[in-house]
Every structure is written in structure tokens, then in C-alpha cells.
Amino acid sequence: MKNERLLALMEARGVNKNTLSKLTGIAPSTLSRIIENKVKHIKQSHMQSIASALGTTIHAIFERSEEHTSELQ
């Protein structure tokens, strides 16, 4: 399951993965894994860089809803 919030923010701001990589200094391959939710523990610095580049907060992108969390358990 992809990080739909992150994808929606990227789309709304006209930012693709490569542009986000340049804005954040995070490798495109790492961003791909974050977008695809294949990273178990995302570094705080990466979350902050992504949120800042997209003009939002970490929680707006990465906070999991209780519904989704219960699906994972």
C-alpha cells in the first residue's frame, strides 16, 4: 500500500520523485521505498525534509490512521 498522502501532496504541488529528491537530498531510490511504504522506520530527518519541501508537517504525511494501524496488527 502506497503512502497516498505523500503522493497527493506531491501531485498537488507538481513535484515528482526526482524533484523531491533534489529538494530534500534524499536518494530517489529511498524516496521510492518511502512512497511504497517499504521502509519500516523512516528517519526523522527524512520525514522533516520531505515535509518541509512540500510545505506541510510530518504528521500530515506520515501519521497513520487508527484504522490503518489496526489493519496491520
N, C-alpha and C. Protein backbone atom coordinates (compact mmCIF):
# COMPACT_ATOMS: atom_id res chain seq x y z
N MET A 1 0.84 -1.18 0.00
CA MET A 1 0.00 0.00 0.00
C MET A 1 0.89 1.24 0.00
N LYS A 2 0.65 2.12 -0.93
CA LYS A 2 1.45 3.33 -1.08
C LYS A 2 1.06 4.38 -0.04
N ASN A 3 1.97 5.33 0.19
CA ASN A 3 1.67 6.46 1.06
C ASN A 3 0.87 7.45 0.22
N GLU A 4 -0.44 7.32 0.27
CA GLU A 4 -1.33 8.13 -0.56
C GLU A 4 -1.27 9.61 -0.19
N ARG A 5 -1.06 9.90 1.08
CA ARG A 5 -0.96 11.31 1.49
C ARG A 5 0.24 11.97 0.84
N LEU A 6 1.35 11.28 0.87
CA LEU A 6 2.58 11.82 0.27
C LEU A 6 2.38 12.00 -1.23
N LEU A 7 1.83 11.01 -1.89
CA LEU A 7 1.60 11.11 -3.33
C LEU A 7 0.66 12.25 -3.68
N ALA A 8 -0.40 12.44 -2.89
CA ALA A 8 -1.36 13.51 -3.14
C ALA A 8 -0.71 14.88 -2.98
N LEU A 9 0.13 15.04 -1.95
CA LEU A 9 0.82 16.31 -1.75
C LEU A 9 1.82 16.58 -2.88
N MET A 10 2.52 15.55 -3.29
CA MET A 10 3.47 15.71 -4.40
C MET A 10 2.72 16.15 -5.66
N GLU A 11 1.61 15.50 -5.94
CA GLU A 11 0.83 15.84 -7.13
C GLU A 11 0.28 17.26 -7.04
N ALA A 12 -0.26 17.61 -5.87
CA ALA A 12 -0.85 18.95 -5.69
C ALA A 12 0.18 20.06 -5.88
N ARG A 13 1.43 19.76 -5.55
CA ARG A 13 2.47 20.77 -5.66
C ARG A 13 3.30 20.63 -6.94
N GLY A 14 2.92 19.67 -7.78
CA GLY A 14 3.62 19.49 -9.05
C GLY A 14 5.05 19.01 -8.88
N VAL A 15 5.26 18.19 -7.85
CA VAL A 15 6.61 17.70 -7.54
C VAL A 15 6.67 16.20 -7.83
N ASN A 16 7.62 15.80 -8.66
CA ASN A 16 7.81 14.37 -8.89
C ASN A 16 8.92 13.85 -7.99
N LYS A 17 9.17 12.56 -8.04
CA LYS A 17 10.15 11.93 -7.16
C LYS A 17 11.55 12.53 -7.34
N ASN A 18 11.94 12.77 -8.57
CA ASN A 18 13.28 13.31 -8.81
C ASN A 18 13.42 14.73 -8.29
N THR A 19 12.39 15.53 -8.45
CA THR A 19 12.41 16.90 -7.92
C THR A 19 12.45 16.87 -6.40
N LEU A 20 11.64 16.00 -5.80
CA LEU A 20 11.64 15.88 -4.34
C LEU A 20 13.01 15.43 -3.85
N SER A 21 13.65 14.56 -4.59
CA SER A 21 14.99 14.12 -4.24
C SER A 21 15.96 15.30 -4.21
N LYS A 22 15.88 16.14 -5.22
CA LYS A 22 16.76 17.32 -5.27
C LYS A 22 16.47 18.29 -4.15
N LEU A 23 15.18 18.46 -3.81
CA LEU A 23 14.79 19.39 -2.75
C LEU A 23 15.19 18.90 -1.36
N THR A 24 15.22 17.59 -1.19
CA THR A 24 15.44 17.02 0.14
C THR A 24 16.84 16.45 0.35
N GLY A 25 17.52 16.13 -0.74
CA GLY A 25 18.82 15.46 -0.62
C GLY A 25 18.69 13.97 -0.33
N ILE A 26 17.48 13.45 -0.48
CA ILE A 26 17.23 12.02 -0.26
C ILE A 26 17.29 11.31 -1.60
N ALA A 27 18.00 10.21 -1.66
CA ALA A 27 18.15 9.46 -2.91
C ALA A 27 16.78 9.05 -3.48
N PRO A 28 16.63 9.11 -4.81
CA PRO A 28 15.36 8.70 -5.43
C PRO A 28 14.95 7.28 -5.04
N SER A 29 15.91 6.38 -4.90
CA SER A 29 15.58 5.00 -4.52
C SER A 29 15.00 4.93 -3.11
N THR A 30 15.52 5.76 -2.22
CA THR A 30 14.99 5.81 -0.86
C THR A 30 13.59 6.41 -0.86
N LEU A 31 13.40 7.46 -1.64
CA LEU A 31 12.06 8.05 -1.76
C LEU A 31 11.06 7.04 -2.30
N SER A 32 11.48 6.26 -3.27
CA SER A 32 10.59 5.22 -3.82
C SER A 32 10.15 4.26 -2.73
N ARG A 33 11.10 3.83 -1.90
CA ARG A 33 10.77 2.90 -0.82
C ARG A 33 9.86 3.56 0.21
N ILE A 34 10.05 4.85 0.47
CA ILE A 34 9.17 5.57 1.40
C ILE A 34 7.77 5.67 0.81
N ILE A 35 7.67 6.04 -0.46
CA ILE A 35 6.37 6.17 -1.14
C ILE A 35 5.64 4.83 -1.16
N GLU A 36 6.38 3.76 -1.38
CA GLU A 36 5.78 2.43 -1.45
C GLU A 36 5.55 1.80 -0.07
N ASN A 37 5.87 2.55 1.00
CA ASN A 37 5.76 2.05 2.38
C ASN A 37 6.58 0.79 2.60
N LYS A 38 7.76 0.74 1.99
CA LYS A 38 8.64 -0.41 2.16
C LYS A 38 9.75 -0.13 3.17
N VAL A 39 9.69 1.03 3.81
CA VAL A 39 10.66 1.38 4.85
C VAL A 39 9.96 1.21 6.19
N LYS A 40 10.50 0.35 7.02
CA LYS A 40 9.87 0.07 8.31
C LYS A 40 9.95 1.27 9.25
N HIS A 41 11.13 1.88 9.33
CA HIS A 41 11.34 3.04 10.20
C HIS A 41 12.00 4.14 9.39
N ILE A 42 11.25 5.17 9.07
CA ILE A 42 11.76 6.30 8.30
C ILE A 42 12.51 7.23 9.24
N LYS A 43 13.70 7.64 8.82
CA LYS A 43 14.49 8.56 9.64
C LYS A 43 13.72 9.86 9.86
N GLN A 44 13.81 10.37 11.08
CA GLN A 44 13.17 11.64 11.43
C GLN A 44 13.64 12.74 10.48
N SER A 45 14.92 12.76 10.18
CA SER A 45 15.46 13.80 9.29
C SER A 45 14.87 13.71 7.89
N HIS A 46 14.61 12.50 7.42
CA HIS A 46 13.98 12.33 6.10
C HIS A 46 12.54 12.81 6.13
N MET A 47 11.82 12.46 7.20
CA MET A 47 10.42 12.91 7.30
C MET A 47 10.36 14.43 7.33
N GLN A 48 11.26 15.06 8.10
CA GLN A 48 11.26 16.51 8.20
C GLN A 48 11.62 17.16 6.87
N SER A 49 12.59 16.61 6.16
CA SER A 49 13.00 17.16 4.87
C SER A 49 11.86 17.08 3.86
N ILE A 50 11.17 15.96 3.82
CA ILE A 50 10.05 15.78 2.89
C ILE A 50 8.92 16.75 3.23
N ALA A 51 8.58 16.82 4.51
CA ALA A 51 7.50 17.72 4.94
C ALA A 51 7.84 19.17 4.61
N SER A 52 9.06 19.59 4.90
CA SER A 52 9.48 20.96 4.61
C SER A 52 9.44 21.26 3.11
N ALA A 53 9.92 20.32 2.31
CA ALA A 53 9.93 20.52 0.86
C ALA A 53 8.52 20.66 0.30
N LEU A 54 7.55 19.99 0.96
CA LEU A 54 6.17 20.03 0.48
C LEU A 54 5.32 21.06 1.23
N GLY A 55 5.96 21.79 2.14
CA GLY A 55 5.26 22.86 2.85
C GLY A 55 4.18 22.37 3.80
N THR A 56 4.46 21.27 4.48
CA THR A 56 3.48 20.71 5.41
C THR A 56 4.20 20.16 6.64
N THR A 57 3.47 19.41 7.46
CA THR A 57 4.05 18.83 8.66
C THR A 57 4.30 17.34 8.46
N ILE A 58 5.15 16.82 9.32
CA ILE A 58 5.42 15.38 9.29
C ILE A 58 4.12 14.60 9.50
N HIS A 59 3.32 15.04 10.47
CA HIS A 59 2.09 14.31 10.78
C HIS A 59 1.10 14.30 9.63
N ALA A 60 1.10 15.34 8.83
CA ALA A 60 0.18 15.39 7.68
C ALA A 60 0.52 14.32 6.64
N ILE A 61 1.76 13.88 6.64
CA ILE A 61 2.19 12.90 5.64
C ILE A 61 2.31 11.49 6.23
N PHE A 62 2.88 11.39 7.41
CA PHE A 62 3.29 10.08 7.91
C PHE A 62 2.48 9.50 9.05
N GLU A 63 1.60 10.28 9.65
CA GLU A 63 0.81 9.74 10.76
C GLU A 63 -0.19 8.73 10.23
N ARG A 64 -0.17 7.56 10.81
CA ARG A 64 -1.09 6.51 10.36
C ARG A 64 -2.41 6.63 11.08
N SER A 65 -3.46 6.42 10.35
CA SER A 65 -4.78 6.46 10.98
C SER A 65 -4.94 5.21 11.84
N GLU A 66 -5.80 5.30 12.83
CA GLU A 66 -6.03 4.14 13.71
C GLU A 66 -6.60 2.98 12.91
N GLU A 67 -7.40 3.30 11.90
CA GLU A 67 -7.97 2.24 11.07
C GLU A 67 -6.87 1.47 10.36
N HIS A 68 -5.91 2.19 9.76
CA HIS A 68 -4.81 1.54 9.05
C HIS A 68 -3.93 0.77 10.03
N THR A 69 -3.66 1.36 11.19
CA THR A 69 -2.82 0.70 12.18
C THR A 69 -3.45 -0.62 12.62
N SER A 70 -4.77 -0.62 12.83
CA SER A 70 -5.42 -1.85 13.26
C SER A 70 -5.39 -2.91 12.16
N GLU A 71 -5.37 -2.49 10.90
CA GLU A 71 -5.27 -3.43 9.79
C GLU A 71 -3.92 -4.14 9.80
N LEU A 72 -2.88 -3.45 10.30
CA LEU A 72 -1.53 -4.02 10.29
C LEU A 72 -1.32 -4.99 11.43
N GLN A 73 -2.17 -4.94 12.45
CA GLN A 73 -1.97 -5.80 13.63
C GLN A 73 -2.60 -7.15 13.44
